[in-house]
Amino acid sequence: ACCRKIKERIGAFTIDHAEAGPDRDI
């Protein structure tokens, strides 16, 4: 949310690993 001003220039990703829990599913 704090990156709104630069949202067009940033990349976001999630990392899947065995113990990621629900975070990797969203």
PDB file of all heavy atoms in Angstrom:
ATOM      1  N   ALA A   1       0.829  -1.214   0.000  1.00  0.00           N
ATOM      2  CA  ALA A   1       0.000   0.000   0.000  1.00  0.00           C
ATOM      3  C   ALA A   1       0.861   1.261   0.000  1.00  0.00           C
ATOM      4  O   ALA A   1       0.500   2.263  -0.621  1.00  0.00           O
ATOM      5  CB  ALA A   1      -0.925   0.000   1.216  1.00  0.00           C
ATOM      6  N   CYS A   2       2.002   1.199   0.660  1.00  0.00           N
ATOM      7  CA  CYS A   2       2.899   2.353   0.710  1.00  0.00           C
ATOM      8  C   CYS A   2       3.629   2.577  -0.611  1.00  0.00           C
ATOM      9  O   CYS A   2       4.274   3.609  -0.793  1.00  0.00           O
ATOM     10  CB  CYS A   2       3.911   2.183   1.840  1.00  0.00           C
ATOM     11  SG  CYS A   2       3.175   2.304   3.478  1.00  0.00           S
ATOM     12  N   CYS A   3       3.519   1.650  -1.536  1.00  0.00           N
ATOM     13  CA  CYS A   3       4.198   1.753  -2.831  1.00  0.00           C
ATOM     14  C   CYS A   3       3.278   2.266  -3.931  1.00  0.00           C
ATOM     15  O   CYS A   3       3.603   2.129  -5.116  1.00  0.00           O
ATOM     16  CB  CYS A   3       4.764   0.381  -3.224  1.00  0.00           C
ATOM     17  SG  CYS A   3       6.114  -0.154  -2.190  1.00  0.00           S
ATOM     18  N   ARG A   4       2.171   2.849  -3.581  1.00  0.00           N
ATOM     19  CA  ARG A   4       1.213   3.294  -4.603  1.00  0.00           C
ATOM     20  C   ARG A   4       1.829   4.224  -5.637  1.00  0.00           C
ATOM     21  O   ARG A   4       1.526   4.140  -6.814  1.00  0.00           O
ATOM     22  CB  ARG A   4       0.031   3.993  -3.935  1.00  0.00           C
ATOM     23  CG  ARG A   4      -0.924   3.038  -3.283  1.00  0.00           C
ATOM     24  CD  ARG A   4      -2.163   3.781  -2.788  1.00  0.00           C
ATOM     25  NE  ARG A   4      -3.045   2.857  -2.134  1.00  0.00           N
ATOM     26  CZ  ARG A   4      -3.323   2.897  -0.839  1.00  0.00           C
ATOM     27  NH1 ARG A   4      -2.792   3.816  -0.075  1.00  0.00           N
ATOM     28  NH2 ARG A   4      -4.153   2.022  -0.317  1.00  0.00           N
ATOM     29  N   LYS A   5       2.692   5.137  -5.197  1.00  0.00           N
ATOM     30  CA  LYS A   5       3.277   6.114  -6.122  1.00  0.00           C
ATOM     31  C   LYS A   5       4.202   5.468  -7.148  1.00  0.00           C
ATOM     32  O   LYS A   5       4.424   6.035  -8.211  1.00  0.00           O
ATOM     33  CB  LYS A   5       4.063   7.173  -5.350  1.00  0.00           C
ATOM     34  CG  LYS A   5       3.194   8.107  -4.559  1.00  0.00           C
ATOM     35  CD  LYS A   5       4.031   9.152  -3.870  1.00  0.00           C
ATOM     36  CE  LYS A   5       3.165  10.092  -3.059  1.00  0.00           C
ATOM     37  NZ  LYS A   5       3.966  11.108  -2.367  1.00  0.00           N
ATOM     38  N   ILE A   6       4.740   4.299  -6.827  1.00  0.00           N
ATOM     39  CA  ILE A   6       5.687   3.644  -7.728  1.00  0.00           C
ATOM     40  C   ILE A   6       5.160   2.306  -8.234  1.00  0.00           C
ATOM     41  O   ILE A   6       5.913   1.489  -8.746  1.00  0.00           O
ATOM     42  CB  ILE A   6       7.060   3.462  -7.041  1.00  0.00           C
ATOM     43  CG1 ILE A   6       6.934   2.641  -5.759  1.00  0.00           C
ATOM     44  CG2 ILE A   6       7.721   4.797  -6.795  1.00  0.00           C
ATOM     45  CD1 ILE A   6       8.252   2.244  -5.122  1.00  0.00           C
ATOM     46  N   LYS A   7       3.875   2.107  -8.130  1.00  0.00           N
ATOM     47  CA  LYS A   7       3.287   0.797  -8.436  1.00  0.00           C
ATOM     48  C   LYS A   7       3.567   0.316  -9.851  1.00  0.00           C
ATOM     49  O   LYS A   7       3.643  -0.881 -10.094  1.00  0.00           O
ATOM     50  CB  LYS A   7       1.792   0.795  -8.167  1.00  0.00           C
ATOM     51  CG  LYS A   7       0.993   1.672  -9.100  1.00  0.00           C
ATOM     52  CD  LYS A   7      -0.463   1.668  -8.740  1.00  0.00           C
ATOM     53  CE  LYS A   7      -1.241   2.572  -9.668  1.00  0.00           C
ATOM     54  NZ  LYS A   7      -2.635   2.635  -9.288  1.00  0.00           N
ATOM     55  N   GLU A   8       3.743   1.211 -10.792  1.00  0.00           N
ATOM     56  CA  GLU A   8       3.992   0.815 -12.180  1.00  0.00           C
ATOM     57  C   GLU A   8       5.426   0.342 -12.391  1.00  0.00           C
ATOM     58  O   GLU A   8       5.726  -0.288 -13.392  1.00  0.00           O
ATOM     59  CB  GLU A   8       3.689   1.982 -13.127  1.00  0.00           C
ATOM     60  CG  GLU A   8       2.261   2.490 -13.040  1.00  0.00           C
ATOM     61  CD  GLU A   8       1.223   1.429 -13.361  1.00  0.00           C
ATOM     62  OE1 GLU A   8       1.481   0.593 -14.242  1.00  0.00           O
ATOM     63  OE2 GLU A   8       0.155   1.447 -12.737  1.00  0.00           O
ATOM     64  N   ARG A   9       6.319   0.648 -11.444  1.00  0.00           N
ATOM     65  CA  ARG A   9       7.737   0.325 -11.629  1.00  0.00           C
ATOM     66  C   ARG A   9       8.239  -0.802 -10.733  1.00  0.00           C
ATOM     67  O   ARG A   9       9.378  -1.234 -10.883  1.00  0.00           O
ATOM     68  CB  ARG A   9       8.575   1.580 -11.376  1.00  0.00           C
ATOM     69  CG  ARG A   9       8.333   2.667 -12.408  1.00  0.00           C
ATOM     70  CD  ARG A   9       9.269   3.837 -12.235  1.00  0.00           C
ATOM     71  NE  ARG A   9       9.232   4.436 -10.918  1.00  0.00           N
ATOM     72  CZ  ARG A   9       8.355   5.352 -10.508  1.00  0.00           C
ATOM     73  NH1 ARG A   9       7.415   5.759 -11.328  1.00  0.00           N
ATOM     74  NH2 ARG A   9       8.413   5.862  -9.300  1.00  0.00           N
ATOM     75  N   ILE A  10       7.430  -1.280  -9.809  1.00  0.00           N
ATOM     76  CA  ILE A  10       7.909  -2.329  -8.913  1.00  0.00           C
ATOM     77  C   ILE A  10       7.416  -3.694  -9.362  1.00  0.00           C
ATOM     78  O   ILE A  10       6.420  -3.806 -10.059  1.00  0.00           O
ATOM     79  CB  ILE A  10       7.481  -2.090  -7.452  1.00  0.00           C
ATOM     80  CG1 ILE A  10       5.959  -2.084  -7.321  1.00  0.00           C
ATOM     81  CG2 ILE A  10       8.089  -0.821  -6.905  1.00  0.00           C
ATOM     82  CD1 ILE A  10       5.459  -2.059  -5.897  1.00  0.00           C
ATOM     83  N   GLY A  11       8.144  -4.705  -8.970  1.00  0.00           N
ATOM     84  CA  GLY A  11       7.719  -6.074  -9.212  1.00  0.00           C
ATOM     85  C   GLY A  11       7.386  -6.714  -7.876  1.00  0.00           C
ATOM     86  O   GLY A  11       8.038  -6.431  -6.869  1.00  0.00           O
ATOM     87  N   ALA A  12       6.385  -7.536  -7.840  1.00  0.00           N
ATOM     88  CA  ALA A  12       6.013  -8.228  -6.605  1.00  0.00           C
ATOM     89  C   ALA A  12       5.869  -9.712  -6.912  1.00  0.00           C
ATOM     90  O   ALA A  12       5.418 -10.095  -7.986  1.00  0.00           O
ATOM     91  CB  ALA A  12       4.706  -7.672  -6.049  1.00  0.00           C
ATOM     92  N   PHE A  13       6.292 -10.527  -5.970  1.00  0.00           N
ATOM     93  CA  PHE A  13       6.204 -11.962  -6.168  1.00  0.00           C
ATOM     94  C   PHE A  13       6.066 -12.671  -4.826  1.00  0.00           C
ATOM     95  O   PHE A  13       6.325 -12.085  -3.781  1.00  0.00           O
ATOM     96  CB  PHE A  13       7.440 -12.482  -6.915  1.00  0.00           C
ATOM     97  CG  PHE A  13       8.733 -12.222  -6.179  1.00  0.00           C
ATOM     98  CD1 PHE A  13       9.264 -13.187  -5.346  1.00  0.00           C
ATOM     99  CD2 PHE A  13       9.408 -11.025  -6.328  1.00  0.00           C
ATOM    100  CE1 PHE A  13      10.450 -12.958  -4.659  1.00  0.00           C
ATOM    101  CE2 PHE A  13      10.590 -10.785  -5.661  1.00  0.00           C
ATOM    102  CZ  PHE A  13      11.116 -11.752  -4.818  1.00  0.00           C
ATOM    103  N   THR A  14       5.615 -13.905  -4.885  1.00  0.00           N
ATOM    104  CA  THR A  14       5.560 -14.757  -3.700  1.00  0.00           C
ATOM    105  C   THR A  14       6.478 -15.952  -3.949  1.00  0.00           C
ATOM    106  O   THR A  14       6.801 -16.273  -5.089  1.00  0.00           O
ATOM    107  CB  THR A  14       4.131 -15.261  -3.415  1.00  0.00           C
ATOM    108  OG1 THR A  14       3.654 -15.959  -4.556  1.00  0.00           O
ATOM    109  CG2 THR A  14       3.195 -14.117  -3.085  1.00  0.00           C
ATOM    110  N   ILE A  15       6.921 -16.559  -2.885  1.00  0.00           N
ATOM    111  CA  ILE A  15       7.816 -17.710  -2.977  1.00  0.00           C
ATOM    112  C   ILE A  15       7.102 -18.912  -2.375  1.00  0.00           C
ATOM    113  O   ILE A  15       6.587 -18.850  -1.257  1.00  0.00           O
ATOM    114  CB  ILE A  15       9.125 -17.447  -2.225  1.00  0.00           C
ATOM    115  CG1 ILE A  15       9.858 -16.257  -2.835  1.00  0.00           C
ATOM    116  CG2 ILE A  15      10.006 -18.690  -2.235  1.00  0.00           C
ATOM    117  CD1 ILE A  15      11.062 -15.815  -2.066  1.00  0.00           C
ATOM    118  N   ASP A  16       7.081 -19.982  -3.119  1.00  0.00           N
ATOM    119  CA  ASP A  16       6.450 -21.208  -2.650  1.00  0.00           C
ATOM    120  C   ASP A  16       7.505 -22.102  -1.997  1.00  0.00           C
ATOM    121  O   ASP A  16       8.559 -22.345  -2.563  1.00  0.00           O
ATOM    122  CB  ASP A  16       5.813 -21.923  -3.840  1.00  0.00           C
ATOM    123  CG  ASP A  16       5.024 -23.152  -3.424  1.00  0.00           C
ATOM    124  OD1 ASP A  16       4.741 -23.298  -2.223  1.00  0.00           O
ATOM    125  OD2 ASP A  16       4.695 -23.953  -4.297  1.00  0.00           O
ATOM    126  N   HIS A  17       7.229 -22.520  -0.783  1.00  0.00           N
ATOM    127  CA  HIS A  17       8.072 -23.510  -0.137  1.00  0.00           C
ATOM    128  C   HIS A  17       7.200 -24.360   0.781  1.00  0.00           C
ATOM    129  O   HIS A  17       6.066 -24.005   1.078  1.00  0.00           O
ATOM    130  CB  HIS A  17       9.253 -22.879   0.614  1.00  0.00           C
ATOM    131  CG  HIS A  17       8.857 -21.911   1.677  1.00  0.00           C
ATOM    132  ND1 HIS A  17       8.551 -22.292   2.963  1.00  0.00           N
ATOM    133  CD2 HIS A  17       8.713 -20.567   1.639  1.00  0.00           C
ATOM    134  CE1 HIS A  17       8.242 -21.225   3.668  1.00  0.00           C
ATOM    135  NE2 HIS A  17       8.330 -20.175   2.899  1.00  0.00           N
ATOM    136  N   ALA A  18       7.713 -25.480   1.202  1.00  0.00           N
ATOM    137  CA  ALA A  18       6.924 -26.487   1.916  1.00  0.00           C
ATOM    138  C   ALA A  18       6.218 -25.961   3.159  1.00  0.00           C
ATOM    139  O   ALA A  18       5.132 -26.414   3.498  1.00  0.00           O
ATOM    140  CB  ALA A  18       7.813 -27.670   2.291  1.00  0.00           C
ATOM    141  N   GLU A  19       6.789 -24.988   3.827  1.00  0.00           N
ATOM    142  CA  GLU A  19       6.203 -24.499   5.073  1.00  0.00           C
ATOM    143  C   GLU A  19       5.592 -23.104   4.935  1.00  0.00           C
ATOM    144  O   GLU A  19       5.411 -22.405   5.920  1.00  0.00           O
ATOM    145  CB  GLU A  19       7.270 -24.524   6.166  1.00  0.00           C
ATOM    146  CG  GLU A  19       7.753 -25.946   6.436  1.00  0.00           C
ATOM    147  CD  GLU A  19       8.831 -26.000   7.500  1.00  0.00           C
ATOM    148  OE1 GLU A  19       8.895 -25.091   8.330  1.00  0.00           O
ATOM    149  OE2 GLU A  19       9.600 -26.969   7.486  1.00  0.00           O
ATOM    150  N   ALA A  20       5.264 -22.722   3.716  1.00  0.00           N
ATOM    151  CA  ALA A  20       4.722 -21.385   3.475  1.00  0.00           C
ATOM    152  C   ALA A  20       3.304 -21.226   4.008  1.00  0.00           C
ATOM    153  O   ALA A  20       2.855 -20.121   4.243  1.00  0.00           O
ATOM    154  CB  ALA A  20       4.750 -21.063   1.986  1.00  0.00           C
ATOM    155  N   GLY A  21       2.597 -22.322   4.196  1.00  0.00           N
ATOM    156  CA  GLY A  21       1.230 -22.228   4.707  1.00  0.00           C
ATOM    157  C   GLY A  21       0.314 -21.540   3.720  1.00  0.00           C
ATOM    158  O   GLY A  21       0.512 -21.604   2.513  1.00  0.00           O
ATOM    159  N   PRO A  22      -0.696 -20.847   4.224  1.00  0.00           N
ATOM    160  CA  PRO A  22      -1.683 -20.230   3.328  1.00  0.00           C
ATOM    161  C   PRO A  22      -1.121 -19.074   2.504  1.00  0.00           C
ATOM    162  O   PRO A  22      -1.690 -18.712   1.489  1.00  0.00           O
ATOM    163  CB  PRO A  22      -2.767 -19.737   4.280  1.00  0.00           C
ATOM    164  CG  PRO A  22      -2.079 -19.575   5.583  1.00  0.00           C
ATOM    165  CD  PRO A  22      -1.010 -20.641   5.624  1.00  0.00           C
ATOM    166  N   ASP A  23       0.025 -18.500   2.919  1.00  0.00           N
ATOM    167  CA  ASP A  23       0.580 -17.373   2.180  1.00  0.00           C
ATOM    168  C   ASP A  23       0.865 -17.712   0.728  1.00  0.00           C
ATOM    169  O   ASP A  23       0.729 -16.891  -0.151  1.00  0.00           O
ATOM    170  CB  ASP A  23       1.869 -16.871   2.827  1.00  0.00           C
ATOM    171  CG  ASP A  23       1.624 -16.198   4.160  1.00  0.00           C
ATOM    172  OD1 ASP A  23       0.445 -15.900   4.454  1.00  0.00           O
ATOM    173  OD2 ASP A  23       2.572 -15.978   4.889  1.00  0.00           O
ATOM    174  N   ARG A  24       1.264 -18.936   0.449  1.00  0.00           N
ATOM    175  CA  ARG A  24       1.587 -19.290  -0.927  1.00  0.00           C
ATOM    176  C   ARG A  24       0.365 -19.527  -1.770  1.00  0.00           C
ATOM    177  O   ARG A  24       0.435 -19.579  -2.996  1.00  0.00           O
ATOM    178  CB  ARG A  24       2.472 -20.528  -0.958  1.00  0.00           C
ATOM    179  CG  ARG A  24       1.767 -21.764  -0.524  1.00  0.00           C
ATOM    180  CD  ARG A  24       2.680 -22.957  -0.580  1.00  0.00           C
ATOM    181  NE  ARG A  24       1.983 -24.100  -0.047  1.00  0.00           N
ATOM    182  CZ  ARG A  24       2.525 -25.255   0.170  1.00  0.00           C
ATOM    183  NH1 ARG A  24       3.782 -25.433  -0.102  1.00  0.00           N
ATOM    184  NH2 ARG A  24       1.827 -26.248   0.648  1.00  0.00           N
ATOM    185  N   ASP A  25      -0.798 -19.672  -1.150  1.00  0.00           N
ATOM    186  CA  ASP A  25      -2.036 -19.948  -1.867  1.00  0.00           C
ATOM    187  C   ASP A  25      -2.835 -18.692  -2.204  1.00  0.00           C
ATOM    188  O   ASP A  25      -3.825 -18.759  -2.887  1.00  0.00           O
ATOM    189  CB  ASP A  25      -2.925 -20.906  -1.069  1.00  0.00           C
ATOM    190  CG  ASP A  25      -2.250 -22.245  -0.854  1.00  0.00           C
ATOM    191  OD1 ASP A  25      -1.492 -22.678  -1.743  1.00  0.00           O
ATOM    192  OD2 ASP A  25      -2.473 -22.846   0.199  1.00  0.00           O
ATOM    193  N   ILE A  26      -2.401 -17.553  -1.711  1.00  0.00           N
ATOM    194  CA  ILE A  26      -3.144 -16.311  -1.920  1.00  0.00           C
ATOM    195  C   ILE A  26      -2.316 -15.433  -2.843  1.00  0.00           C
ATOM    196  O   ILE A  26      -1.295 -14.904  -2.454  1.00  0.00           O
ATOM    197  CB  ILE A  26      -3.412 -15.590  -0.585  1.00  0.00           C
ATOM    198  CG1 ILE A  26      -4.221 -16.518   0.346  1.00  0.00           C
ATOM    199  CG2 ILE A  26      -4.157 -14.280  -0.827  1.00  0.00           C
ATOM    200  CD1 ILE A  26      -4.382 -15.993   1.735  1.00  0.00           C
TER     201      ILE A  26
END
